[in-house]
Amino acid sequence: MNMSVLLVQLAGQRIAMPALEVDSVIELDKITPVPGAPSHIVGISSLRSRPLTVIDCAKVIEENDIYRNGKKTAAVLNFEGHDYALLVDSVEDVVEAFVEPLPVPGGAGEIWSKISDGLIETDIGPAMLIDIDAVINNLQ
């Protein structure tokens, strides 16, 4: 398998997102809270007049909130017709993945196995290939 992936850092882990699914990487200026939204949804923002649902990926994996720690780096993508901004700790690079995803190691934790499609090898080392649906819908 050769696939381009966007590598990001999340809670001390290197995470890969399929690059074809990511529209852009941005720093969010303003996020407006949405009352009554699930805890992993920080609020809404916008990008070139497009509304974005902002998801705190750290909340999805039950870590400290990225947003509340002042981080506003996000990968923007369209999933099932809706635009999302996935907050991450930092962005590394776009690289090639070389192998089919392998099962997530047991020591990684139950939550990582629920939101990951497996472990992949890249130019700069291993990364967990994220399941975008699991992150957006917080399937824990």
C-alpha atoms as a PDB file:
ATOM      1  CA  MET A   1       0.000   0.000   0.000  1.00  0.00           C
ATOM      2  CA  ASN A   2       1.358   3.410  -0.927  1.00  0.00           C
ATOM      3  CA  MET A   3      -0.728   6.220   0.465  1.00  0.00           C
ATOM      4  CA  SER A   4       0.031   9.826   1.385  1.00  0.00           C
ATOM      5  CA  VAL A   5      -0.779  10.640   4.993  1.00  0.00           C
ATOM      6  CA  LEU A   6      -0.751  13.776   7.115  1.00  0.00           C
ATOM      7  CA  LEU A   7       1.211  13.124  10.305  1.00  0.00           C
ATOM      8  CA  VAL A   8       0.081  14.930  13.444  1.00  0.00           C
ATOM      9  CA  GLN A   9       0.811  14.670  17.151  1.00  0.00           C
ATOM     10  CA  LEU A  10      -1.990  13.888  19.578  1.00  0.00           C
ATOM     11  CA  ALA A  11      -1.416  13.152  23.266  1.00  0.00           C
ATOM     12  CA  GLY A  12       2.192  12.165  22.616  1.00  0.00           C
ATOM     13  CA  GLN A  13       1.334   9.801  19.762  1.00  0.00           C
ATOM     14  CA  ARG A  14       2.092  10.133  16.061  1.00  0.00           C
ATOM     15  CA  ILE A  15      -1.200   9.917  14.204  1.00  0.00           C
ATOM     16  CA  ALA A  16      -1.735   9.574  10.450  1.00  0.00           C
ATOM     17  CA  MET A  17      -4.733  10.864   8.526  1.00  0.00           C
ATOM     18  CA  PRO A  18      -5.208   9.966   4.855  1.00  0.00           C
ATOM     19  CA  ALA A  19      -3.951  13.088   3.068  1.00  0.00           C
ATOM     20  CA  LEU A  20      -6.645  12.840   0.397  1.00  0.00           C
ATOM     21  CA  GLU A  21      -9.282  13.352   3.105  1.00  0.00           C
ATOM     22  CA  VAL A  22      -7.644  16.503   4.535  1.00  0.00           C
ATOM     23  CA  ASP A  23      -8.536  19.779   2.809  1.00  0.00           C
ATOM     24  CA  SER A  24      -6.126  21.980   4.771  1.00  0.00           C
ATOM     25  CA  VAL A  25      -4.322  22.560   8.044  1.00  0.00           C
ATOM     26  CA  ILE A  26      -5.161  25.801   9.844  1.00  0.00           C
ATOM     27  CA  GLU A  27      -4.838  27.758  13.056  1.00  0.00           C
ATOM     28  CA  LEU A  28      -8.348  28.612  14.214  1.00  0.00           C
ATOM     29  CA  ASP A  29      -8.940  32.201  15.297  1.00  0.00           C
ATOM     30  CA  LYS A  30     -12.330  31.991  16.933  1.00  0.00           C
ATOM     31  CA  ILE A  31     -14.410  29.071  18.137  1.00  0.00           C
ATOM     32  CA  THR A  32     -17.994  29.660  19.222  1.00  0.00           C
ATOM     33  CA  PRO A  33     -19.326  27.159  21.788  1.00  0.00           C
ATOM     34  CA  VAL A  34     -22.498  25.221  21.002  1.00  0.00           C
ATOM     35  CA  PRO A  35     -24.692  24.702  24.083  1.00  0.00           C
ATOM     36  CA  GLY A  36     -25.717  21.104  24.631  1.00  0.00           C
ATOM     37  CA  ALA A  37     -23.172  19.655  22.155  1.00  0.00           C
ATOM     38  CA  PRO A  38     -21.363  16.423  23.059  1.00  0.00           C
ATOM     39  CA  SER A  39     -18.181  16.999  25.089  1.00  0.00           C
ATOM     40  CA  HIS A  40     -15.814  16.282  22.174  1.00  0.00           C
ATOM     41  CA  ILE A  41     -17.410  19.046  20.067  1.00  0.00           C
ATOM     42  CA  VAL A  42     -15.769  22.313  21.129  1.00  0.00           C
ATOM     43  CA  GLY A  43     -18.027  24.492  18.990  1.00  0.00           C
ATOM     44  CA  ILE A  44     -18.152  25.983  15.519  1.00  0.00           C
ATOM     45  CA  SER A  45     -15.738  28.110  13.538  1.00  0.00           C
ATOM     46  CA  SER A  46     -15.403  29.094   9.909  1.00  0.00           C
ATOM     47  CA  LEU A  47     -12.971  28.858   7.032  1.00  0.00           C
ATOM     48  CA  ARG A  48     -13.573  31.080   4.016  1.00  0.00           C
ATOM     49  CA  SER A  49     -17.271  31.396   4.955  1.00  0.00           C
ATOM     50  CA  ARG A  50     -17.628  27.606   5.394  1.00  0.00           C
ATOM     51  CA  PRO A  51     -18.945  26.593   8.829  1.00  0.00           C
ATOM     52  CA  LEU A  52     -16.722  24.047  10.610  1.00  0.00           C
ATOM     53  CA  THR A  53     -17.701  21.762  13.464  1.00  0.00           C
ATOM     54  CA  VAL A  54     -14.654  21.817  15.757  1.00  0.00           C
ATOM     55  CA  ILE A  55     -13.750  18.524  17.439  1.00  0.00           C
ATOM     56  CA  ASP A  56     -11.182  18.265  20.216  1.00  0.00           C
ATOM     57  CA  CYS A  57      -9.425  14.994  19.349  1.00  0.00           C
ATOM     58  CA  ALA A  58      -7.881  14.800  22.827  1.00  0.00           C
ATOM     59  CA  LYS A  59     -11.385  14.694  24.308  1.00  0.00           C
ATOM     60  CA  VAL A  60     -12.222  11.777  22.014  1.00  0.00           C
ATOM     61  CA  ILE A  61      -9.358   9.757  23.490  1.00  0.00           C
ATOM     62  CA  GLU A  62     -10.218  10.935  27.005  1.00  0.00           C
ATOM     63  CA  GLU A  63      -7.120  13.079  27.450  1.00  0.00           C
ATOM     64  CA  ASN A  64      -6.962  16.699  28.599  1.00  0.00           C
ATOM     65  CA  ASP A  65      -8.776  19.043  26.245  1.00  0.00           C
ATOM     66  CA  ILE A  66      -6.467  20.475  23.578  1.00  0.00           C
ATOM     67  CA  TYR A  67      -8.710  23.502  23.107  1.00  0.00           C
ATOM     68  CA  ARG A  68      -8.739  24.405  26.774  1.00  0.00           C
ATOM     69  CA  ASN A  69      -4.928  24.261  26.743  1.00  0.00           C
ATOM     70  CA  GLY A  70      -4.858  27.020  24.115  1.00  0.00           C
ATOM     71  CA  LYS A  71      -4.100  24.824  21.094  1.00  0.00           C
ATOM     72  CA  LYS A  72      -5.994  25.746  17.949  1.00  0.00           C
ATOM     73  CA  THR A  73      -4.151  23.768  15.243  1.00  0.00           C
ATOM     74  CA  ALA A  74      -6.637  21.787  13.170  1.00  0.00           C
ATOM     75  CA  ALA A  75      -6.875  19.488  10.182  1.00  0.00           C
ATOM     76  CA  VAL A  76      -9.900  20.496   8.106  1.00  0.00           C
ATOM     77  CA  LEU A  77     -11.826  17.834   6.220  1.00  0.00           C
ATOM     78  CA  ASN A  78     -15.193  17.099   4.719  1.00  0.00           C
ATOM     79  CA  PHE A  79     -16.865  13.960   6.013  1.00  0.00           C
ATOM     80  CA  GLU A  80     -20.253  12.800   4.769  1.00  0.00           C
ATOM     81  CA  GLY A  81     -21.029  16.270   3.404  1.00  0.00           C
ATOM     82  CA  HIS A  82     -20.081  18.224   6.539  1.00  0.00           C
ATOM     83  CA  ASP A  83     -16.927  20.242   7.226  1.00  0.00           C
ATOM     84  CA  TYR A  84     -14.929  19.528  10.377  1.00  0.00           C
ATOM     85  CA  ALA A  85     -11.854  20.949  12.069  1.00  0.00           C
ATOM     86  CA  LEU A  86     -10.047  18.269  14.091  1.00  0.00           C
ATOM     87  CA  LEU A  87      -7.919  19.885  16.812  1.00  0.00           C
ATOM     88  CA  VAL A  88      -4.504  18.258  17.261  1.00  0.00           C
ATOM     89  CA  ASP A  89      -1.372  19.101  19.283  1.00  0.00           C
ATOM     90  CA  SER A  90       0.781  19.802  16.235  1.00  0.00           C
ATOM     91  CA  VAL A  91       1.287  18.938  12.581  1.00  0.00           C
ATOM     92  CA  GLU A  92       4.451  17.166  11.396  1.00  0.00           C
ATOM     93  CA  ASP A  93       4.410  16.563   7.648  1.00  0.00           C
ATOM     94  CA  VAL A  94       2.813  14.795   4.701  1.00  0.00           C
ATOM     95  CA  VAL A  95       4.608  11.507   3.984  1.00  0.00           C
ATOM     96  CA  GLU A  96       4.088   8.164   2.274  1.00  0.00           C
ATOM     97  CA  ALA A  97       2.824   5.077   4.112  1.00  0.00           C
ATOM     98  CA  PHE A  98       4.362   1.830   2.834  1.00  0.00           C
ATOM     99  CA  VAL A  99       2.500  -1.093   4.373  1.00  0.00           C
ATOM    100  CA  GLU A 100      -1.047  -2.182   5.059  1.00  0.00           C
ATOM    101  CA  PRO A 101      -2.159  -1.191   8.564  1.00  0.00           C
ATOM    102  CA  LEU A 102      -1.172  -3.701  11.241  1.00  0.00           C
ATOM    103  CA  PRO A 103      -3.270  -4.265  14.380  1.00  0.00           C
ATOM    104  CA  VAL A 104      -2.788  -1.638  17.087  1.00  0.00           C
ATOM    105  CA  PRO A 105      -0.475  -3.054  19.790  1.00  0.00           C
ATOM    106  CA  GLY A 106      -2.323  -4.088  22.971  1.00  0.00           C
ATOM    107  CA  GLY A 107      -0.234  -1.737  25.110  1.00  0.00           C
ATOM    108  CA  ALA A 108      -1.524   1.282  23.196  1.00  0.00           C
ATOM    109  CA  GLY A 109      -4.794   1.219  25.084  1.00  0.00           C
ATOM    110  CA  GLU A 110      -8.391   0.353  24.313  1.00  0.00           C
ATOM    111  CA  ILE A 111      -9.388   3.817  23.110  1.00  0.00           C
ATOM    112  CA  TRP A 112      -6.587   3.939  20.522  1.00  0.00           C
ATOM    113  CA  SER A 113      -7.748   0.613  19.098  1.00  0.00           C
ATOM    114  CA  LYS A 114     -11.286   1.956  18.784  1.00  0.00           C
ATOM    115  CA  ILE A 115     -10.315   5.078  16.811  1.00  0.00           C
ATOM    116  CA  SER A 116      -7.458   3.613  14.767  1.00  0.00           C
ATOM    117  CA  ASP A 117      -7.469   1.554  11.586  1.00  0.00           C
ATOM    118  CA  GLY A 118      -4.066   0.152  12.587  1.00  0.00           C
ATOM    119  CA  LEU A 119      -0.384   0.920  12.763  1.00  0.00           C
ATOM    120  CA  ILE A 120       1.361   1.974   9.539  1.00  0.00           C
ATOM    121  CA  GLU A 121       5.009   2.532   8.633  1.00  0.00           C
ATOM    122  CA  THR A 122       6.062   5.854   7.091  1.00  0.00           C
ATOM    123  CA  ASP A 123       9.266   7.575   5.966  1.00  0.00           C
ATOM    124  CA  ILE A 124       9.834   8.898   9.476  1.00  0.00           C
ATOM    125  CA  GLY A 125       8.561   6.002  11.564  1.00  0.00           C
ATOM    126  CA  PRO A 126       5.363   4.279  12.661  1.00  0.00           C
ATOM    127  CA  ALA A 127       2.038   6.058  13.109  1.00  0.00           C
ATOM    128  CA  MET A 128      -1.505   5.094  14.005  1.00  0.00           C
ATOM    129  CA  LEU A 129      -3.842   5.490  11.045  1.00  0.00           C
ATOM    130  CA  ILE A 130      -6.883   7.269  12.436  1.00  0.00           C
ATOM    131  CA  ASP A 131     -10.450   6.191  11.679  1.00  0.00           C
ATOM    132  CA  ILE A 132     -12.027   9.552  10.794  1.00  0.00           C
ATOM    133  CA  ASP A 133     -15.571   8.229  11.361  1.00  0.00           C
ATOM    134  CA  ALA A 134     -14.681   7.050  14.897  1.00  0.00           C
ATOM    135  CA  VAL A 135     -13.143  10.418  15.778  1.00  0.00           C
ATOM    136  CA  ILE A 136     -15.978  12.524  14.387  1.00  0.00           C
ATOM    137  CA  ASN A 137     -18.733  10.390  15.839  1.00  0.00           C
ATOM    138  CA  ASN A 138     -16.795   9.658  19.051  1.00  0.00           C
ATOM    139  CA  LEU A 139     -17.368   5.914  18.752  1.00  0.00           C
ATOM    140  CA  GLN A 140     -15.968   4.691  22.040  1.00  0.00           C
END
